[in-house]
């Protein structure tokens, strides 16, 4: 079984939390037994999360050797110039080594389908923000955030829109559907 979930902002990518007070978890959105995330999204990231009860499928979806594309809509502080986009396309040097080249494009505005985030992203009159679409084939810890920061474009909002052939299309935050494995 494979489930596609639109993980809301501020939700842990697990089913339990031992923190005091406890933080929201996937259990508030998916009541199915024995499904587990195939990959992760940070607490402050949102979008497509795949869950499965099939260990081999989870491995195929997450193992770097299978090179599944992961596409993100990224709201960044600042306006990307050609040099910043070229650095992302060529791979950037991070503290744990260089990244693989990424596919990236600047967007004129936020897509029409994008829901408002709760709480809203901070707004500063003196600092513009913009959106890029970024596709990577790795899955290092907070990689997209570290990549955009490395080129001078700190991430304000991060929404995963696709993993391989699986898309977020049509799912509101907190909604899920069965997907074809």
C-alpha atoms as a PDB file:
ATOM      1  CA  UNK A   1       0.000   0.000   0.000  1.00  0.00           C
ATOM      2  CA  UNK A   2       1.204   3.513  -0.794  1.00  0.00           C
ATOM      3  CA  UNK A   3      -0.357   6.700   0.578  1.00  0.00           C
ATOM      4  CA  UNK A   4       0.278  10.251  -0.630  1.00  0.00           C
ATOM      5  CA  UNK A   5      -0.260  12.819   2.156  1.00  0.00           C
ATOM      6  CA  UNK A   6      -0.056  16.597   2.029  1.00  0.00           C
ATOM      7  CA  UNK A   7       1.822  17.094   5.304  1.00  0.00           C
ATOM      8  CA  UNK A   8       0.874  20.428   6.862  1.00  0.00           C
ATOM      9  CA  UNK A   9       3.390  22.896   8.248  1.00  0.00           C
ATOM     10  CA  UNK A  10       4.225  22.256  11.902  1.00  0.00           C
ATOM     11  CA  UNK A  11       3.564  18.517  11.895  1.00  0.00           C
ATOM     12  CA  UNK A  12       6.171  15.918  12.870  1.00  0.00           C
ATOM     13  CA  UNK A  13       6.971  13.325  10.242  1.00  0.00           C
ATOM     14  CA  UNK A  14       6.171  10.474  12.657  1.00  0.00           C
ATOM     15  CA  UNK A  15       3.144   9.037  14.425  1.00  0.00           C
ATOM     16  CA  UNK A  16       4.122   9.679  18.056  1.00  0.00           C
ATOM     17  CA  UNK A  17       5.860  12.429  19.985  1.00  0.00           C
ATOM     18  CA  UNK A  18       7.204  12.200  23.507  1.00  0.00           C
ATOM     19  CA  UNK A  19       7.782  15.956  23.844  1.00  0.00           C
ATOM     20  CA  UNK A  20       6.020  17.900  26.571  1.00  0.00           C
ATOM     21  CA  UNK A  21       3.759  19.356  25.397  1.00  0.00           C
ATOM     22  CA  UNK A  22       3.397  16.950  22.464  1.00  0.00           C
ATOM     23  CA  UNK A  23       3.619  18.362  18.955  1.00  0.00           C
ATOM     24  CA  UNK A  24       1.194  17.482  16.140  1.00  0.00           C
ATOM     25  CA  UNK A  25       2.039  14.203  14.385  1.00  0.00           C
ATOM     26  CA  UNK A  26       0.922  12.212  11.351  1.00  0.00           C
ATOM     27  CA  UNK A  27      -1.525  10.336  13.595  1.00  0.00           C
ATOM     28  CA  UNK A  28      -3.852  13.358  13.428  1.00  0.00           C
ATOM     29  CA  UNK A  29      -4.159  12.889   9.642  1.00  0.00           C
ATOM     30  CA  UNK A  30      -3.673   9.192   8.823  1.00  0.00           C
ATOM     31  CA  UNK A  31      -5.529   6.582  10.891  1.00  0.00           C
ATOM     32  CA  UNK A  32      -4.282   3.562   8.936  1.00  0.00           C
ATOM     33  CA  UNK A  33      -2.317   0.867  10.762  1.00  0.00           C
ATOM     34  CA  UNK A  34       1.248  -0.131   9.922  1.00  0.00           C
ATOM     35  CA  UNK A  35       2.099   2.612   7.415  1.00  0.00           C
ATOM     36  CA  UNK A  36       5.315   4.557   7.835  1.00  0.00           C
ATOM     37  CA  UNK A  37       6.887   7.526   6.079  1.00  0.00           C
ATOM     38  CA  UNK A  38       9.089   6.683   3.101  1.00  0.00           C
ATOM     39  CA  UNK A  39      11.427   9.624   3.597  1.00  0.00           C
ATOM     40  CA  UNK A  40      11.013  12.692   5.734  1.00  0.00           C
ATOM     41  CA  UNK A  41       9.928  16.305   5.706  1.00  0.00           C
ATOM     42  CA  UNK A  42      11.089  18.671   8.418  1.00  0.00           C
ATOM     43  CA  UNK A  43       8.625  19.953  11.022  1.00  0.00           C
ATOM     44  CA  UNK A  44       8.672  23.336   9.256  1.00  0.00           C
ATOM     45  CA  UNK A  45       8.340  21.939   5.733  1.00  0.00           C
ATOM     46  CA  UNK A  46       5.080  20.973   4.064  1.00  0.00           C
ATOM     47  CA  UNK A  47       3.805  19.051   1.086  1.00  0.00           C
ATOM     48  CA  UNK A  48       4.026  15.572  -0.373  1.00  0.00           C
ATOM     49  CA  UNK A  49       4.928  12.783   2.023  1.00  0.00           C
ATOM     50  CA  UNK A  50       4.672   9.168   0.915  1.00  0.00           C
ATOM     51  CA  UNK A  51       3.728   6.506   3.467  1.00  0.00           C
ATOM     52  CA  UNK A  52       3.794   2.758   2.934  1.00  0.00           C
ATOM     53  CA  UNK A  53       3.522  -0.591   4.683  1.00  0.00           C
ATOM     54  CA  UNK A  54       6.026  -2.129   2.216  1.00  0.00           C
ATOM     55  CA  UNK A  55       9.672  -1.996   3.338  1.00  0.00           C
ATOM     56  CA  UNK A  56      11.042  -2.798  -0.126  1.00  0.00           C
ATOM     57  CA  UNK A  57       8.969   0.000  -1.674  1.00  0.00           C
ATOM     58  CA  UNK A  58      10.101   2.435   1.034  1.00  0.00           C
ATOM     59  CA  UNK A  59      13.708   1.513   0.244  1.00  0.00           C
ATOM     60  CA  UNK A  60      13.171   2.016  -3.482  1.00  0.00           C
ATOM     61  CA  UNK A  61      11.615   5.437  -2.855  1.00  0.00           C
ATOM     62  CA  UNK A  62      14.301   6.684  -0.465  1.00  0.00           C
ATOM     63  CA  UNK A  63      17.612   4.998  -1.310  1.00  0.00           C
ATOM     64  CA  UNK A  64      19.922   7.501  -3.062  1.00  0.00           C
ATOM     65  CA  UNK A  65      21.033   4.804  -5.528  1.00  0.00           C
ATOM     66  CA  UNK A  66      17.541   4.873  -7.070  1.00  0.00           C
ATOM     67  CA  UNK A  67      17.860   8.642  -7.656  1.00  0.00           C
ATOM     68  CA  UNK A  68      14.197   9.585  -7.237  1.00  0.00           C
ATOM     69  CA  UNK A  69      13.637  13.208  -8.242  1.00  0.00           C
ATOM     70  CA  UNK A  70      12.212  15.320  -5.427  1.00  0.00           C
ATOM     71  CA  UNK A  71      10.704  18.632  -6.538  1.00  0.00           C
ATOM     72  CA  UNK A  72      10.114  21.560  -4.204  1.00  0.00           C
ATOM     73  CA  UNK A  73       8.414  24.918  -4.396  1.00  0.00           C
ATOM     74  CA  UNK A  74      10.699  27.211  -2.400  1.00  0.00           C
ATOM     75  CA  UNK A  75       9.883  30.707  -1.220  1.00  0.00           C
ATOM     76  CA  UNK A  76      13.215  32.452  -0.703  1.00  0.00           C
ATOM     77  CA  UNK A  77      14.302  35.738   0.784  1.00  0.00           C
ATOM     78  CA  UNK A  78      15.623  37.868  -2.049  1.00  0.00           C
ATOM     79  CA  UNK A  79      15.404  37.603  -5.815  1.00  0.00           C
ATOM     80  CA  UNK A  80      17.502  34.926  -7.520  1.00  0.00           C
ATOM     81  CA  UNK A  81      19.888  36.188 -10.155  1.00  0.00           C
ATOM     82  CA  UNK A  82      21.442  34.165 -12.964  1.00  0.00           C
ATOM     83  CA  UNK A  83      24.584  33.470 -10.903  1.00  0.00           C
ATOM     84  CA  UNK A  84      22.653  32.008  -7.940  1.00  0.00           C
ATOM     85  CA  UNK A  85      20.543  29.818 -10.240  1.00  0.00           C
ATOM     86  CA  UNK A  86      23.696  28.643 -12.075  1.00  0.00           C
ATOM     87  CA  UNK A  87      25.334  27.664  -8.776  1.00  0.00           C
ATOM     88  CA  UNK A  88      22.288  25.578  -7.843  1.00  0.00           C
ATOM     89  CA  UNK A  89      22.279  23.981 -11.301  1.00  0.00           C
ATOM     90  CA  UNK A  90      25.963  23.081 -10.979  1.00  0.00           C
ATOM     91  CA  UNK A  91      25.795  21.881  -7.378  1.00  0.00           C
ATOM     92  CA  UNK A  92      26.872  23.837  -4.321  1.00  0.00           C
ATOM     93  CA  UNK A  93      29.433  23.115  -1.640  1.00  0.00           C
ATOM     94  CA  UNK A  94      27.842  22.304   1.724  1.00  0.00           C
ATOM     95  CA  UNK A  95      29.516  21.424   5.024  1.00  0.00           C
ATOM     96  CA  UNK A  96      29.067  17.707   4.225  1.00  0.00           C
ATOM     97  CA  UNK A  97      30.387  18.003   0.662  1.00  0.00           C
ATOM     98  CA  UNK A  98      29.163  19.133  -2.739  1.00  0.00           C
ATOM     99  CA  UNK A  99      25.591  18.517  -3.840  1.00  0.00           C
ATOM    100  CA  UNK A 100      24.687  16.956  -7.128  1.00  0.00           C
ATOM    101  CA  UNK A 101      23.504  19.409  -9.785  1.00  0.00           C
ATOM    102  CA  UNK A 102      19.870  20.475  -9.360  1.00  0.00           C
ATOM    103  CA  UNK A 103      17.213  21.555 -11.804  1.00  0.00           C
ATOM    104  CA  UNK A 104      15.970  24.999 -10.881  1.00  0.00           C
ATOM    105  CA  UNK A 105      13.848  27.754 -12.329  1.00  0.00           C
ATOM    106  CA  UNK A 106      12.709  31.093 -11.010  1.00  0.00           C
ATOM    107  CA  UNK A 107       8.942  31.634 -10.885  1.00  0.00           C
ATOM    108  CA  UNK A 108       7.227  34.958 -11.532  1.00  0.00           C
ATOM    109  CA  UNK A 109       4.930  34.486  -8.523  1.00  0.00           C
ATOM    110  CA  UNK A 110       3.516  31.880  -6.186  1.00  0.00           C
ATOM    111  CA  UNK A 111       1.406  29.331  -8.095  1.00  0.00           C
ATOM    112  CA  UNK A 112      -2.370  29.882  -7.925  1.00  0.00           C
ATOM    113  CA  UNK A 113      -2.911  26.489  -6.272  1.00  0.00           C
ATOM    114  CA  UNK A 114      -0.660  27.259  -3.278  1.00  0.00           C
ATOM    115  CA  UNK A 115      -2.612  27.490  -0.020  1.00  0.00           C
ATOM    116  CA  UNK A 116      -1.850  30.145   2.606  1.00  0.00           C
ATOM    117  CA  UNK A 117       0.447  28.936   5.353  1.00  0.00           C
ATOM    118  CA  UNK A 118      -0.654  29.070   8.963  1.00  0.00           C
ATOM    119  CA  UNK A 119       1.166  30.864  10.498  1.00  0.00           C
ATOM    120  CA  UNK A 120       1.999  33.113   7.554  1.00  0.00           C
ATOM    121  CA  UNK A 121       5.572  33.521   6.358  1.00  0.00           C
ATOM    122  CA  UNK A 122       7.089  36.659   7.860  1.00  0.00           C
ATOM    123  CA  UNK A 123       6.861  39.691   5.608  1.00  0.00           C
ATOM    124  CA  UNK A 124       9.424  42.493   5.503  1.00  0.00           C
ATOM    125  CA  UNK A 125       8.816  45.580   3.380  1.00  0.00           C
ATOM    126  CA  UNK A 126      12.528  46.184   2.864  1.00  0.00           C
ATOM    127  CA  UNK A 127      13.404  42.631   1.741  1.00  0.00           C
ATOM    128  CA  UNK A 128      11.712  41.106  -1.309  1.00  0.00           C
ATOM    129  CA  UNK A 129      10.912  37.427  -1.540  1.00  0.00           C
ATOM    130  CA  UNK A 130      10.382  35.184  -4.536  1.00  0.00           C
ATOM    131  CA  UNK A 131       9.658  31.602  -5.529  1.00  0.00           C
ATOM    132  CA  UNK A 132      11.809  28.997  -7.241  1.00  0.00           C
ATOM    133  CA  UNK A 133      11.131  25.421  -8.255  1.00  0.00           C
ATOM    134  CA  UNK A 134      14.023  23.136  -7.322  1.00  0.00           C
ATOM    135  CA  UNK A 135      14.481  19.443  -8.143  1.00  0.00           C
ATOM    136  CA  UNK A 136      17.159  17.356  -6.437  1.00  0.00           C
ATOM    137  CA  UNK A 137      18.076  13.662  -6.456  1.00  0.00           C
ATOM    138  CA  UNK A 138      19.605  13.478  -3.008  1.00  0.00           C
ATOM    139  CA  UNK A 139      17.991  13.657   0.395  1.00  0.00           C
ATOM    140  CA  UNK A 140      20.464  15.079   2.874  1.00  0.00           C
ATOM    141  CA  UNK A 141      19.289  16.642   6.112  1.00  0.00           C
ATOM    142  CA  UNK A 142      17.713  20.053   5.366  1.00  0.00           C
ATOM    143  CA  UNK A 143      19.453  19.988   1.979  1.00  0.00           C
ATOM    144  CA  UNK A 144      17.225  22.422   0.071  1.00  0.00           C
ATOM    145  CA  UNK A 145      17.394  24.977   2.888  1.00  0.00           C
ATOM    146  CA  UNK A 146      21.179  24.665   3.052  1.00  0.00           C
ATOM    147  CA  UNK A 147      21.525  24.923  -0.738  1.00  0.00           C
ATOM    148  CA  UNK A 148      19.470  28.096  -1.036  1.00  0.00           C
ATOM    149  CA  UNK A 149      21.286  29.657   1.931  1.00  0.00           C
ATOM    150  CA  UNK A 150      24.645  28.811   0.310  1.00  0.00           C
ATOM    151  CA  UNK A 151      23.722  30.944  -2.717  1.00  0.00           C
ATOM    152  CA  UNK A 152      22.404  33.849  -0.619  1.00  0.00           C
ATOM    153  CA  UNK A 153      18.697  33.001  -0.795  1.00  0.00           C
ATOM    154  CA  UNK A 154      17.505  31.813   2.635  1.00  0.00           C
ATOM    155  CA  UNK A 155      14.411  29.609   2.507  1.00  0.00           C
ATOM    156  CA  UNK A 156      11.250  31.102   3.992  1.00  0.00           C
ATOM    157  CA  UNK A 157       8.826  28.350   2.965  1.00  0.00           C
ATOM    158  CA  UNK A 158       9.416  24.866   1.584  1.00  0.00           C
ATOM    159  CA  UNK A 159       6.706  22.757  -0.069  1.00  0.00           C
ATOM    160  CA  UNK A 160       7.534  19.369  -1.640  1.00  0.00           C
ATOM    161  CA  UNK A 161       5.363  18.950  -4.726  1.00  0.00           C
ATOM    162  CA  UNK A 162       6.654  15.665  -6.189  1.00  0.00           C
ATOM    163  CA  UNK A 163       8.653  12.520  -5.447  1.00  0.00           C
ATOM    164  CA  UNK A 164       9.456  10.633  -8.632  1.00  0.00           C
ATOM    165  CA  UNK A 165       6.170  10.197 -10.497  1.00  0.00           C
ATOM    166  CA  UNK A 166       4.044  10.957  -7.419  1.00  0.00           C
ATOM    167  CA  UNK A 167       2.534  14.443  -7.293  1.00  0.00           C
ATOM    168  CA  UNK A 168       0.862  16.582  -4.647  1.00  0.00           C
ATOM    169  CA  UNK A 169      -1.796  17.720  -7.121  1.00  0.00           C
ATOM    170  CA  UNK A 170      -5.318  17.945  -5.688  1.00  0.00           C
ATOM    171  CA  UNK A 171      -4.442  17.358  -2.023  1.00  0.00           C
ATOM    172  CA  UNK A 172      -5.189  20.080   0.510  1.00  0.00           C
ATOM    173  CA  UNK A 173      -3.043  20.212   3.667  1.00  0.00           C
ATOM    174  CA  UNK A 174      -3.841  17.192   5.846  1.00  0.00           C
ATOM    175  CA  UNK A 175      -5.557  15.240   3.057  1.00  0.00           C
ATOM    176  CA  UNK A 176      -4.302  11.903   1.736  1.00  0.00           C
ATOM    177  CA  UNK A 177      -5.113   9.412  -1.012  1.00  0.00           C
ATOM    178  CA  UNK A 178      -4.034   5.966  -2.091  1.00  0.00           C
ATOM    179  CA  UNK A 179      -1.287   6.081  -4.702  1.00  0.00           C
ATOM    180  CA  UNK A 180      -0.060   3.582  -7.256  1.00  0.00           C
ATOM    181  CA  UNK A 181       3.170   1.991  -6.008  1.00  0.00           C
END
